[in-house]
Amino acid sequence: MDQQGDRTMHIGELAERTGLSLRSIRHYGDIGLLPASGRTEAGYRLFSEQDLQRLLRIRRLKPLGFSLDEIGEVLSLWEQGMDAGRRQEAAETLERLRTERARLARSLAEADAMLADLESHLST
């Protein structure tokens, strides 16, 4: 258990629950994006449910074109809240997310059209 009384997990369980590799999780920890909540006496990393949620946010932001530094900034906005000075930064991040989502939706629609075209062609 960590200081907050949450159940902790080893890196293998975290990898299994997120679908990310051990290597990626270790890398995120090494660069400070996902520090372990604790360590066992043997030095193994321990992670909390809160760490799991942070990692899921990282996994969702990565394909949206955010660099790891930018992901760290977005997570900071999320976790530390927004004072008046950060509201503009948050608004810009939100707009970027909307723009990237729209681009991905267009790409998905194009892929659907290509699949339908190919399926139609193969069935004739």
N, C-alpha and C. Protein backbone atom coordinates (compact mmCIF):
# COMPACT_ATOMS: atom_id res chain seq x y z
N MET A 1 0.84 -1.18 0.00
CA MET A 1 0.00 0.00 0.00
C MET A 1 0.88 1.24 0.00
N ASP A 2 0.43 2.30 -0.68
CA ASP A 2 1.17 3.56 -0.63
C ASP A 2 0.64 4.42 0.50
N GLN A 3 1.17 5.64 0.59
CA GLN A 3 0.80 6.51 1.70
C GLN A 3 -0.69 6.82 1.73
N GLN A 4 -1.36 6.78 0.61
CA GLN A 4 -2.77 7.14 0.55
C GLN A 4 -3.68 5.94 0.79
N GLY A 5 -3.10 4.77 1.03
CA GLY A 5 -3.91 3.59 1.28
C GLY A 5 -4.38 2.90 0.01
N ASP A 6 -3.93 3.37 -1.15
CA ASP A 6 -4.31 2.73 -2.41
C ASP A 6 -3.53 1.43 -2.58
N ARG A 7 -4.14 0.53 -3.29
CA ARG A 7 -3.45 -0.71 -3.65
C ARG A 7 -2.36 -0.36 -4.67
N THR A 8 -1.22 -0.97 -4.53
CA THR A 8 -0.14 -0.73 -5.49
C THR A 8 0.02 -1.93 -6.40
N MET A 9 0.70 -1.70 -7.51
CA MET A 9 0.94 -2.78 -8.46
C MET A 9 2.37 -2.67 -8.98
N HIS A 10 2.87 -3.78 -9.43
CA HIS A 10 4.19 -3.81 -10.04
C HIS A 10 4.05 -3.38 -11.50
N ILE A 11 5.18 -3.13 -12.13
CA ILE A 11 5.20 -2.62 -13.49
C ILE A 11 4.54 -3.59 -14.47
N GLY A 12 4.65 -4.90 -14.23
CA GLY A 12 4.04 -5.88 -15.12
C GLY A 12 2.52 -5.75 -15.17
N GLU A 13 1.92 -5.55 -14.00
CA GLU A 13 0.47 -5.37 -13.96
C GLU A 13 0.07 -4.07 -14.63
N LEU A 14 0.86 -3.03 -14.41
CA LEU A 14 0.59 -1.74 -15.06
C LEU A 14 0.66 -1.89 -16.58
N ALA A 15 1.64 -2.61 -17.06
CA ALA A 15 1.78 -2.85 -18.50
C ALA A 15 0.57 -3.62 -19.03
N GLU A 16 0.18 -4.65 -18.30
CA GLU A 16 -0.96 -5.46 -18.72
C GLU A 16 -2.24 -4.63 -18.77
N ARG A 17 -2.45 -3.79 -17.78
CA ARG A 17 -3.69 -3.00 -17.69
C ARG A 17 -3.74 -1.86 -18.71
N THR A 18 -2.59 -1.43 -19.20
CA THR A 18 -2.57 -0.31 -20.16
C THR A 18 -2.27 -0.73 -21.59
N GLY A 19 -1.74 -1.93 -21.76
CA GLY A 19 -1.35 -2.37 -23.09
C GLY A 19 -0.03 -1.77 -23.55
N LEU A 20 0.70 -1.14 -22.64
CA LEU A 20 1.99 -0.55 -22.98
C LEU A 20 3.11 -1.50 -22.57
N SER A 21 4.25 -1.35 -23.22
CA SER A 21 5.38 -2.22 -22.93
C SER A 21 6.08 -1.79 -21.64
N LEU A 22 6.76 -2.75 -21.04
CA LEU A 22 7.58 -2.43 -19.86
C LEU A 22 8.62 -1.37 -20.21
N ARG A 23 9.17 -1.49 -21.39
CA ARG A 23 10.19 -0.53 -21.84
C ARG A 23 9.63 0.89 -21.88
N SER A 24 8.43 1.05 -22.43
CA SER A 24 7.82 2.39 -22.50
C SER A 24 7.56 2.94 -21.10
N ILE A 25 7.02 2.10 -20.23
CA ILE A 25 6.72 2.55 -18.87
C ILE A 25 8.00 2.95 -18.16
N ARG A 26 9.06 2.15 -18.31
CA ARG A 26 10.34 2.49 -17.68
C ARG A 26 10.87 3.81 -18.24
N HIS A 27 10.75 3.98 -19.55
CA HIS A 27 11.22 5.22 -20.18
C HIS A 27 10.46 6.43 -19.63
N TYR A 28 9.14 6.30 -19.54
CA TYR A 28 8.34 7.41 -18.98
C TYR A 28 8.78 7.72 -17.55
N GLY A 29 9.12 6.70 -16.80
CA GLY A 29 9.62 6.92 -15.45
C GLY A 29 10.99 7.58 -15.44
N ASP A 30 11.86 7.13 -16.31
CA ASP A 30 13.22 7.66 -16.38
C ASP A 30 13.25 9.15 -16.74
N ILE A 31 12.29 9.58 -17.57
CA ILE A 31 12.28 11.00 -17.97
C ILE A 31 11.39 11.85 -17.07
N GLY A 32 10.83 11.23 -16.03
CA GLY A 32 10.04 11.97 -15.06
C GLY A 32 8.57 12.13 -15.40
N LEU A 33 8.12 11.51 -16.48
CA LEU A 33 6.72 11.61 -16.87
C LEU A 33 5.83 10.72 -16.02
N LEU A 34 6.37 9.62 -15.54
CA LEU A 34 5.61 8.68 -14.72
C LEU A 34 6.50 8.13 -13.61
N PRO A 35 6.80 8.95 -12.63
CA PRO A 35 7.62 8.43 -11.53
C PRO A 35 6.84 7.39 -10.74
N ALA A 36 7.53 6.37 -10.29
CA ALA A 36 6.89 5.34 -9.48
C ALA A 36 6.46 5.93 -8.15
N SER A 37 5.34 5.45 -7.64
CA SER A 37 4.86 5.91 -6.33
C SER A 37 5.74 5.43 -5.20
N GLY A 38 6.42 4.33 -5.44
CA GLY A 38 7.28 3.78 -4.41
C GLY A 38 8.13 2.66 -4.98
N ARG A 39 8.86 2.05 -4.10
CA ARG A 39 9.73 0.93 -4.47
C ARG A 39 9.64 -0.14 -3.40
N THR A 40 9.81 -1.37 -3.83
CA THR A 40 9.88 -2.46 -2.87
C THR A 40 11.26 -2.45 -2.22
N GLU A 41 11.44 -3.28 -1.20
CA GLU A 41 12.75 -3.38 -0.56
C GLU A 41 13.81 -3.82 -1.56
N ALA A 42 13.40 -4.58 -2.55
CA ALA A 42 14.33 -5.06 -3.58
C ALA A 42 14.56 -4.02 -4.68
N GLY A 43 13.86 -2.89 -4.61
CA GLY A 43 14.07 -1.83 -5.59
C GLY A 43 13.11 -1.84 -6.77
N TYR A 44 12.14 -2.75 -6.76
CA TYR A 44 11.17 -2.78 -7.86
C TYR A 44 10.19 -1.62 -7.72
N ARG A 45 9.82 -1.07 -8.87
CA ARG A 45 8.90 0.06 -8.88
C ARG A 45 7.49 -0.38 -8.50
N LEU A 46 6.82 0.47 -7.74
CA LEU A 46 5.42 0.24 -7.38
C LEU A 46 4.60 1.41 -7.89
N PHE A 47 3.40 1.08 -8.40
CA PHE A 47 2.54 2.10 -8.97
C PHE A 47 1.15 2.03 -8.34
N SER A 48 0.51 3.18 -8.24
CA SER A 48 -0.82 3.29 -7.65
C SER A 48 -1.88 3.37 -8.75
N GLU A 49 -3.12 3.35 -8.34
CA GLU A 49 -4.22 3.56 -9.29
C GLU A 49 -4.11 4.95 -9.92
N GLN A 50 -3.66 5.94 -9.15
CA GLN A 50 -3.46 7.28 -9.68
C GLN A 50 -2.38 7.27 -10.78
N ASP A 51 -1.33 6.49 -10.58
CA ASP A 51 -0.30 6.34 -11.61
C ASP A 51 -0.88 5.69 -12.86
N LEU A 52 -1.75 4.71 -12.65
CA LEU A 52 -2.42 4.05 -13.78
C LEU A 52 -3.21 5.08 -14.59
N GLN A 53 -3.97 5.93 -13.92
CA GLN A 53 -4.76 6.94 -14.62
C GLN A 53 -3.85 7.91 -15.38
N ARG A 54 -2.74 8.28 -14.78
CA ARG A 54 -1.78 9.18 -15.44
C ARG A 54 -1.23 8.50 -16.70
N LEU A 55 -0.89 7.22 -16.59
CA LEU A 55 -0.36 6.50 -17.74
C LEU A 55 -1.39 6.36 -18.85
N LEU A 56 -2.65 6.15 -18.49
CA LEU A 56 -3.70 6.09 -19.50
C LEU A 56 -3.84 7.42 -20.23
N ARG A 57 -3.69 8.53 -19.51
CA ARG A 57 -3.72 9.85 -20.16
C ARG A 57 -2.54 10.01 -21.11
N ILE A 58 -1.37 9.56 -20.69
CA ILE A 58 -0.19 9.62 -21.56
C ILE A 58 -0.46 8.82 -22.83
N ARG A 59 -1.01 7.62 -22.65
CA ARG A 59 -1.29 6.75 -23.81
C ARG A 59 -2.29 7.39 -24.76
N ARG A 60 -3.25 8.14 -24.23
CA ARG A 60 -4.25 8.80 -25.08
C ARG A 60 -3.69 10.02 -25.78
N LEU A 61 -2.78 10.73 -25.15
CA LEU A 61 -2.22 11.95 -25.74
C LEU A 61 -1.16 11.66 -26.80
N LYS A 62 -0.41 10.59 -26.63
CA LYS A 62 0.70 10.29 -27.53
C LYS A 62 0.27 10.22 -29.00
N PRO A 63 -0.78 9.49 -29.36
CA PRO A 63 -1.15 9.42 -30.78
C PRO A 63 -1.76 10.71 -31.32
N LEU A 64 -2.02 11.66 -30.44
CA LEU A 64 -2.59 12.94 -30.89
C LEU A 64 -1.51 13.93 -31.27
N GLY A 65 -0.28 13.47 -31.35
CA GLY A 65 0.80 14.31 -31.85
C GLY A 65 1.52 15.13 -30.81
N PHE A 66 1.25 14.90 -29.53
CA PHE A 66 1.93 15.64 -28.48
C PHE A 66 3.30 15.01 -28.21
N SER A 67 4.33 15.84 -28.06
CA SER A 67 5.64 15.34 -27.66
C SER A 67 5.56 14.95 -26.19
N LEU A 68 6.56 14.23 -25.72
CA LEU A 68 6.56 13.84 -24.31
C LEU A 68 6.64 15.07 -23.40
N ASP A 69 7.39 16.09 -23.80
CA ASP A 69 7.43 17.33 -23.02
C ASP A 69 6.06 17.98 -22.96
N GLU A 70 5.37 18.03 -24.10
CA GLU A 70 4.03 18.62 -24.15
C GLU A 70 3.04 17.80 -23.32
N ILE A 71 3.19 16.48 -23.35
CA ILE A 71 2.32 15.63 -22.54
C ILE A 71 2.53 15.95 -21.06
N GLY A 72 3.76 16.15 -20.66
CA GLY A 72 4.03 16.54 -19.29
C GLY A 72 3.34 17.84 -18.91
N GLU A 73 3.33 18.80 -19.84
CA GLU A 73 2.66 20.08 -19.58
C GLU A 73 1.15 19.90 -19.47
N VAL A 74 0.57 19.08 -20.34
CA VAL A 74 -0.87 18.82 -20.29
C VAL A 74 -1.23 18.13 -18.98
N LEU A 75 -0.43 17.15 -18.58
CA LEU A 75 -0.69 16.46 -17.32
C LEU A 75 -0.59 17.42 -16.14
N SER A 76 0.34 18.34 -16.22
CA SER A 76 0.47 19.35 -15.17
C SER A 76 -0.79 20.20 -15.08
N LEU A 77 -1.32 20.60 -16.23
CA LEU A 77 -2.57 21.37 -16.24
C LEU A 77 -3.69 20.56 -15.59
N TRP A 78 -3.75 19.29 -15.93
CA TRP A 78 -4.80 18.40 -15.45
C TRP A 78 -4.71 18.19 -13.94
N GLU A 79 -3.49 17.93 -13.47
CA GLU A 79 -3.31 17.51 -12.08
C GLU A 79 -3.16 18.67 -11.10
N GLN A 80 -2.61 19.78 -11.56
CA GLN A 80 -2.36 20.88 -10.65
C GLN A 80 -3.40 21.98 -10.74
N GLY A 81 -4.33 21.82 -11.64
CA GLY A 81 -5.37 22.83 -11.79
C GLY A 81 -4.87 24.04 -12.56
N MET A 82 -5.75 24.98 -12.73
CA MET A 82 -5.42 26.14 -13.54
C MET A 82 -5.67 27.42 -12.78
N ASP A 83 -4.62 28.18 -12.61
CA ASP A 83 -4.82 29.52 -12.10
C ASP A 83 -5.13 30.41 -13.31
N ALA A 84 -5.36 31.66 -13.08
CA ALA A 84 -5.74 32.57 -14.16
C ALA A 84 -4.69 32.59 -15.26
N GLY A 85 -3.43 32.48 -14.90
CA GLY A 85 -2.36 32.53 -15.90
C GLY A 85 -2.29 31.31 -16.79
N ARG A 86 -2.85 30.20 -16.36
CA ARG A 86 -2.78 28.96 -17.14
C ARG A 86 -4.03 28.70 -17.96
N ARG A 87 -5.04 29.49 -17.78
CA ARG A 87 -6.29 29.27 -18.52
C ARG A 87 -6.08 29.38 -20.03
N GLN A 88 -5.25 30.33 -20.46
CA GLN A 88 -4.97 30.48 -21.90
C GLN A 88 -4.25 29.24 -22.43
N GLU A 89 -3.31 28.75 -21.66
CA GLU A 89 -2.58 27.54 -22.04
C GLU A 89 -3.53 26.35 -22.15
N ALA A 90 -4.45 26.25 -21.21
CA ALA A 90 -5.43 25.16 -21.24
C ALA A 90 -6.35 25.30 -22.45
N ALA A 91 -6.77 26.52 -22.75
CA ALA A 91 -7.65 26.74 -23.91
C ALA A 91 -6.94 26.37 -25.21
N GLU A 92 -5.66 26.69 -25.30
CA GLU A 92 -4.89 26.34 -26.49
C GLU A 92 -4.73 24.83 -26.62
N THR A 93 -4.50 24.18 -25.50
CA THR A 93 -4.37 22.72 -25.51
C THR A 93 -5.69 22.07 -25.92
N LEU A 94 -6.78 22.57 -25.40
CA LEU A 94 -8.10 22.05 -25.76
C LEU A 94 -8.36 22.22 -27.25
N GLU A 95 -8.03 23.37 -27.79
CA GLU A 95 -8.22 23.61 -29.22
C GLU A 95 -7.35 22.66 -30.05
N ARG A 96 -6.13 22.45 -29.60
CA ARG A 96 -5.25 21.53 -30.32
C ARG A 96 -5.82 20.11 -30.30
N LEU A 97 -6.36 19.70 -29.17
CA LEU A 97 -6.98 18.38 -29.08
C LEU A 97 -8.17 18.27 -30.03
N ARG A 98 -8.99 19.30 -30.08
CA ARG A 98 -10.15 19.28 -30.99
C ARG A 98 -9.71 19.21 -32.45
N THR A 99 -8.69 19.99 -32.80
CA THR A 99 -8.18 20.00 -34.18
C THR A 99 -7.63 18.63 -34.56
N GLU A 100 -6.84 18.05 -33.67
CA GLU A 100 -6.25 16.74 -33.95
C GLU A 100 -7.32 15.66 -34.02
N ARG A 101 -8.34 15.75 -33.18
CA ARG A 101 -9.43 14.79 -33.22
C ARG A 101 -10.17 14.87 -34.55
N ALA A 102 -10.40 16.09 -35.03
CA ALA A 102 -11.08 16.27 -36.32
C ALA A 102 -10.23 15.68 -37.45
N ARG A 103 -8.91 15.88 -37.40
CA ARG A 103 -8.03 15.32 -38.42
C ARG A 103 -8.09 13.80 -38.40
N LEU A 104 -8.06 13.22 -37.21
CA LEU A 104 -8.14 11.77 -37.10
C LEU A 104 -9.49 11.24 -37.57
N ALA A 105 -10.56 11.96 -37.29
CA ALA A 105 -11.89 11.56 -37.76
C ALA A 105 -11.94 11.55 -39.28
N ARG A 106 -11.33 12.57 -39.91
CA ARG A 106 -11.27 12.60 -41.39
C ARG A 106 -10.48 11.41 -41.92
N SER A 107 -9.36 11.11 -41.29
CA SER A 107 -8.55 9.97 -41.71
C SER A 107 -9.32 8.66 -41.57
N LEU A 108 -10.05 8.53 -40.48
CA LEU A 108 -10.85 7.33 -40.26
C LEU A 108 -11.95 7.22 -41.32
N ALA A 109 -12.60 8.32 -41.66
CA ALA A 109 -13.63 8.32 -42.70
C ALA A 109 -13.03 7.92 -44.05
N GLU A 110 -11.82 8.40 -44.34
CA GLU A 110 -11.15 8.02 -45.58
C GLU A 110 -10.83 6.52 -45.59
N ALA A 111 -10.39 6.00 -44.45
CA ALA A 111 -10.09 4.57 -44.36
C ALA A 111 -11.37 3.75 -44.54
N ASP A 112 -12.47 4.20 -43.94
CA ASP A 112 -13.76 3.51 -44.10
C ASP A 112 -14.19 3.49 -45.56
N ALA A 113 -14.00 4.63 -46.23
CA ALA A 113 -14.37 4.71 -47.65
C ALA A 113 -13.50 3.76 -48.49
N MET A 114 -12.21 3.69 -48.17
CA MET A 114 -11.32 2.80 -48.91
C MET A 114 -11.70 1.34 -48.67
N LEU A 115 -12.02 1.00 -47.44
CA LEU A 115 -12.46 -0.37 -47.14
C LEU A 115 -13.74 -0.72 -47.90
N ALA A 116 -14.70 0.17 -47.88
CA ALA A 116 -15.95 -0.07 -48.59
C ALA A 116 -15.71 -0.22 -50.08
N ASP A 117 -14.84 0.61 -50.63
CA ASP A 117 -14.52 0.54 -52.06
C ASP A 117 -13.85 -0.79 -52.40
N LEU A 118 -12.90 -1.19 -51.58
CA LEU A 118 -12.20 -2.46 -51.81
C LEU A 118 -13.15 -3.65 -51.65
N GLU A 119 -13.99 -3.62 -50.61
CA GLU A 119 -14.95 -4.71 -50.41
C GLU A 119 -15.90 -4.80 -51.59
N SER A 120 -16.35 -3.67 -52.09
CA SER A 120 -17.24 -3.64 -53.25
C SER A 120 -16.55 -4.20 -54.48
N HIS A 121 -15.31 -3.82 -54.66
CA HIS A 121 -14.54 -4.28 -55.82
C HIS A 121 -14.31 -5.79 -55.76
N LEU A 122 -14.02 -6.30 -54.55
CA LEU A 122 -13.73 -7.73 -54.42
C LEU A 122 -14.98 -8.59 -54.53
N SER A 123 -16.14 -8.03 -54.26
CA SER A 123 -17.37 -8.82 -54.31
C SER A 123 -17.97 -8.87 -55.72
N THR A 124 -17.37 -8.18 -56.67
CA THR A 124 -17.90 -8.22 -58.03
C THR A 124 -17.22 -9.22 -58.89
